[in-house]
Amino acid sequence: MEIEKALAQIQEIHGHLARSEVYRGYRSVPMAFTGMIGLLASVAQPWIVDPDSPGAFLRYWATVCVANVLVVGLDMIYDYHVHLAPRDRRMTRQVVGQFIPCLVAGAFLTMIFARGHDVALLPGLWALLFSLGAFASRPYLPRGVGWVALYYLVCGCVLLTLAQGQVSLAAWSMGASFGLGQLFLATVLYWNLERRTNG
């Protein structure tokens, strides 16, 4: 009986310690790369996507999103299997577990909207979901990530406000929200984690 109580207390202490640690698995270079992909895709959109086809917009940006998830995901998988100790692996699972629901919800919404709903709402909804994922992961990340999450929240609200006139489907909308947002995140990660390590 006493052993079970002691184990429960140890597990609780471990949980508190894990929440007080800063996760270092997200790195600035992959995040900056995804931001650059977003900005380049935004610049290329007028030449690739028919402005009168919301479906083409959806397919284009869904493809960009998948590419960006692969960039960050493959980097994390490599780091997980090659460099991380068991304790760090556990933290990676916690942090990714906090963020995955927003990605799943975004994928589900994309599939639903692909069936003919107003695609102009999607950029704002994507930004709001990303903001919620960033806020959910925030206890494990540097403090500045809260500002990044707030940036995505504001972008989502603005893009939803502009959705009625289809303005949210303009090329700048995704570049300003996700391209700049990921560069902002890369800057926060570098400034709070990597700069101190490298300096």
Foldseek 3Di string as FASTA:
>chain_A
DVVVVVVVVVVVVLVVVLLQAAQQLQALPLLLVLLVLQQVLLVCCVVQADLVDLLSLLVSVVVSVVVSCCSSVVSSVCCLPPPDDPVSNVSVCVLVVLQVVLVVVLVVVSVVVSVPDQSLLNLLSNLLSNLNSLVSNCSRHDVCSPVLSVLSNVLSVVSNVVSVVSPCSRSVSRSVRRSVSSNSVSVRSCVPPVVVVVD
